[in-house]
Amino acid sequence: MSTSHNTVTLEDARRIIAAATKKAEEIKQPMNIAVVCAGGHLLAFERMHGAWIGSVDIAQKKAWTSRAFDIETGTLGTLSQSGDQFFGIHASNDGKVMIFAGGVPIKQDGKVIGAIGVSGGLGAQDQAVAEAGAAAL
């Protein structure tokens, strides 16, 4: 990673996707994997062979949500249940907010510099693949 940047680079994103893909292959679950930069813009995306087409959009929105709020999407989902402090947040930002597990902020020196979003399996599978990708840095 270049220390002169405060964002994930394309090279970083490729490394993140490779690590996430490796994990997805290990658990035998094809995934859609998206990486966004610090500004929340899509930097890189991969749809593994056999991954659900309907999860393309979800993976990208998980990455955006994780960066937009600097929180794991699964945690945001827990905090947005009926009666909790973020109830209804999924309806904000024109419905772009995802509250399913699988979105993870990417950090460098404690600062969020991007995020990964993964979709295509059960929540625990999406989360494991996202964590593997984020750990690549």
Protein backbone atom coordinates (compact mmCIF):
# COMPACT_ATOMS: atom_id res chain seq x y z
CA MET A 1 0.00 0.00 0.00
CA SER A 2 1.27 3.47 -0.81
CA THR A 3 1.61 5.53 2.35
CA SER A 4 1.14 8.73 0.36
CA HIS A 5 -2.53 7.93 -0.26
CA ASN A 6 -5.43 8.09 2.17
CA THR A 7 -7.46 5.74 0.03
CA VAL A 8 -7.41 2.23 -1.32
CA THR A 9 -5.59 2.11 -4.66
CA LEU A 10 -6.50 -0.04 -7.64
CA GLU A 11 -3.51 -2.27 -6.84
CA ASP A 12 -4.79 -2.62 -3.26
CA ALA A 13 -8.29 -3.41 -4.52
CA ARG A 14 -6.97 -6.17 -6.76
CA ARG A 15 -5.09 -7.70 -3.80
CA ILE A 16 -8.21 -7.43 -1.61
CA ILE A 17 -10.38 -9.11 -4.26
CA ALA A 18 -7.82 -11.88 -4.77
CA ALA A 19 -7.79 -12.66 -1.03
CA ALA A 20 -11.59 -12.57 -0.86
CA THR A 21 -11.87 -14.80 -3.92
CA LYS A 22 -9.47 -17.31 -2.35
CA LYS A 23 -11.65 -17.48 0.77
CA ALA A 24 -14.83 -17.84 -1.32
CA GLU A 25 -13.23 -20.72 -3.22
CA GLU A 26 -12.19 -22.36 0.09
CA ILE A 27 -15.79 -22.31 1.35
CA LYS A 28 -17.07 -23.26 -2.11
CA GLN A 29 -19.43 -20.29 -2.41
CA PRO A 30 -19.24 -18.05 -5.51
CA MET A 31 -19.40 -14.39 -4.54
CA ASN A 32 -19.76 -10.89 -5.88
CA ILE A 33 -16.95 -8.75 -4.44
CA ALA A 34 -16.81 -4.95 -4.56
CA VAL A 35 -14.17 -2.53 -3.28
CA VAL A 36 -14.77 1.19 -2.87
CA CYS A 37 -12.27 3.98 -2.30
CA ALA A 38 -12.27 6.40 0.62
CA GLY A 39 -14.82 8.51 -1.25
CA GLY A 40 -17.22 5.57 -1.47
CA HIS A 41 -16.86 5.18 -5.24
CA LEU A 42 -16.59 1.74 -6.83
CA LEU A 43 -12.92 1.01 -7.50
CA ALA A 44 -13.02 -2.66 -8.46
CA PHE A 45 -15.59 -5.42 -8.77
CA GLU A 46 -15.55 -9.12 -9.52
CA ARG A 47 -18.39 -11.56 -10.01
CA MET A 48 -17.17 -15.10 -9.58
CA HIS A 49 -18.51 -17.72 -11.98
CA GLY A 50 -21.87 -18.87 -10.70
CA ALA A 51 -22.41 -15.98 -8.26
CA TRP A 52 -25.96 -14.69 -8.11
CA ILE A 53 -26.69 -11.85 -10.51
CA GLY A 54 -29.03 -10.30 -7.95
CA SER A 55 -26.13 -9.96 -5.53
CA VAL A 56 -24.06 -7.70 -7.82
CA ASP A 57 -25.96 -4.63 -6.66
CA ILE A 58 -26.02 -5.81 -3.04
CA ALA A 59 -22.22 -6.28 -2.88
CA GLN A 60 -21.62 -2.81 -4.26
CA LYS A 61 -24.11 -1.25 -1.85
CA LYS A 62 -22.61 -3.13 1.10
CA ALA A 63 -19.19 -1.66 0.26
CA TRP A 64 -20.68 1.83 -0.10
CA THR A 65 -22.64 1.53 3.16
CA SER A 66 -19.63 0.30 5.09
CA ARG A 67 -17.60 3.31 3.91
CA ALA A 68 -20.43 5.82 4.19
CA PHE A 69 -20.93 5.00 7.88
CA ASP A 70 -17.48 3.50 8.67
CA ILE A 71 -19.12 0.43 10.19
CA GLU A 72 -19.53 -3.22 9.32
CA THR A 73 -22.90 -3.67 7.65
CA GLY A 74 -23.78 -6.57 9.93
CA THR A 75 -23.25 -4.33 12.96
CA LEU A 76 -25.37 -1.63 11.36
CA GLY A 77 -28.05 -4.26 10.80
CA THR A 78 -28.04 -5.13 14.49
CA LEU A 79 -28.31 -1.44 15.43
CA SER A 80 -31.16 -0.83 12.99
CA GLN A 81 -33.70 -3.29 14.34
CA SER A 82 -37.12 -2.06 15.43
CA GLY A 83 -36.80 0.18 18.47
CA ASP A 84 -33.03 0.62 18.14
CA GLN A 85 -31.16 3.84 17.41
CA PHE A 86 -30.75 3.36 13.65
CA PHE A 87 -34.15 1.84 12.89
CA GLY A 88 -35.17 2.80 9.34
CA ILE A 89 -31.65 3.69 8.15
CA HIS A 90 -31.97 1.15 5.32
CA ALA A 91 -34.54 3.45 3.71
CA SER A 92 -32.15 6.42 3.66
CA ASN A 93 -29.90 7.44 0.77
CA ASP A 94 -32.50 6.38 -1.81
CA GLY A 95 -32.45 2.81 -0.47
CA LYS A 96 -28.70 2.46 -1.02
CA VAL A 97 -28.00 1.41 2.59
CA MET A 98 -27.49 -2.34 3.11
CA ILE A 99 -27.88 -3.81 6.58
CA PHE A 100 -26.85 -7.41 5.86
CA ALA A 101 -23.48 -8.85 6.92
CA GLY A 102 -20.70 -8.69 4.35
CA GLY A 103 -19.62 -5.03 4.28
CA VAL A 104 -16.35 -4.25 6.06
CA PRO A 105 -14.37 -1.00 6.30
CA ILE A 106 -10.76 -1.19 5.14
CA LYS A 107 -8.43 0.60 7.53
CA GLN A 108 -4.85 1.81 7.51
CA ASP A 109 -3.35 3.12 10.74
CA GLY A 110 -6.82 3.18 12.29
CA LYS A 111 -8.30 5.35 9.52
CA VAL A 112 -10.93 4.08 7.08
CA ILE A 113 -9.52 4.27 3.54
CA GLY A 114 -12.18 2.26 1.71
CA ALA A 115 -14.43 -0.75 2.14
CA ILE A 116 -15.24 -4.17 0.76
CA GLY A 117 -18.72 -5.53 0.11
CA VAL A 118 -19.43 -9.21 -0.50
CA SER A 119 -22.70 -10.89 -1.44
CA GLY A 120 -23.65 -14.31 -2.69
CA GLY A 121 -24.00 -16.58 0.29
CA LEU A 122 -25.40 -16.66 3.78
CA GLY A 123 -24.54 -13.70 5.99
CA ALA A 124 -21.77 -15.55 7.83
CA GLN A 125 -20.24 -16.58 4.49
CA ASP A 126 -20.39 -13.06 3.09
CA GLN A 127 -18.81 -11.72 6.30
CA ALA A 128 -15.99 -14.29 6.30
CA VAL A 129 -15.10 -13.51 2.69
CA ALA A 130 -15.23 -9.75 3.32
CA GLU A 131 -13.00 -10.09 6.39
CA ALA A 132 -10.50 -12.17 4.42
CA GLY A 133 -10.38 -9.47 1.75
CA ALA A 134 -10.00 -6.62 4.23
CA ALA A 135 -7.20 -8.50 5.98
CA ALA A 136 -5.19 -8.57 2.75
CA LEU A 137 -3.87 -5.11 3.60
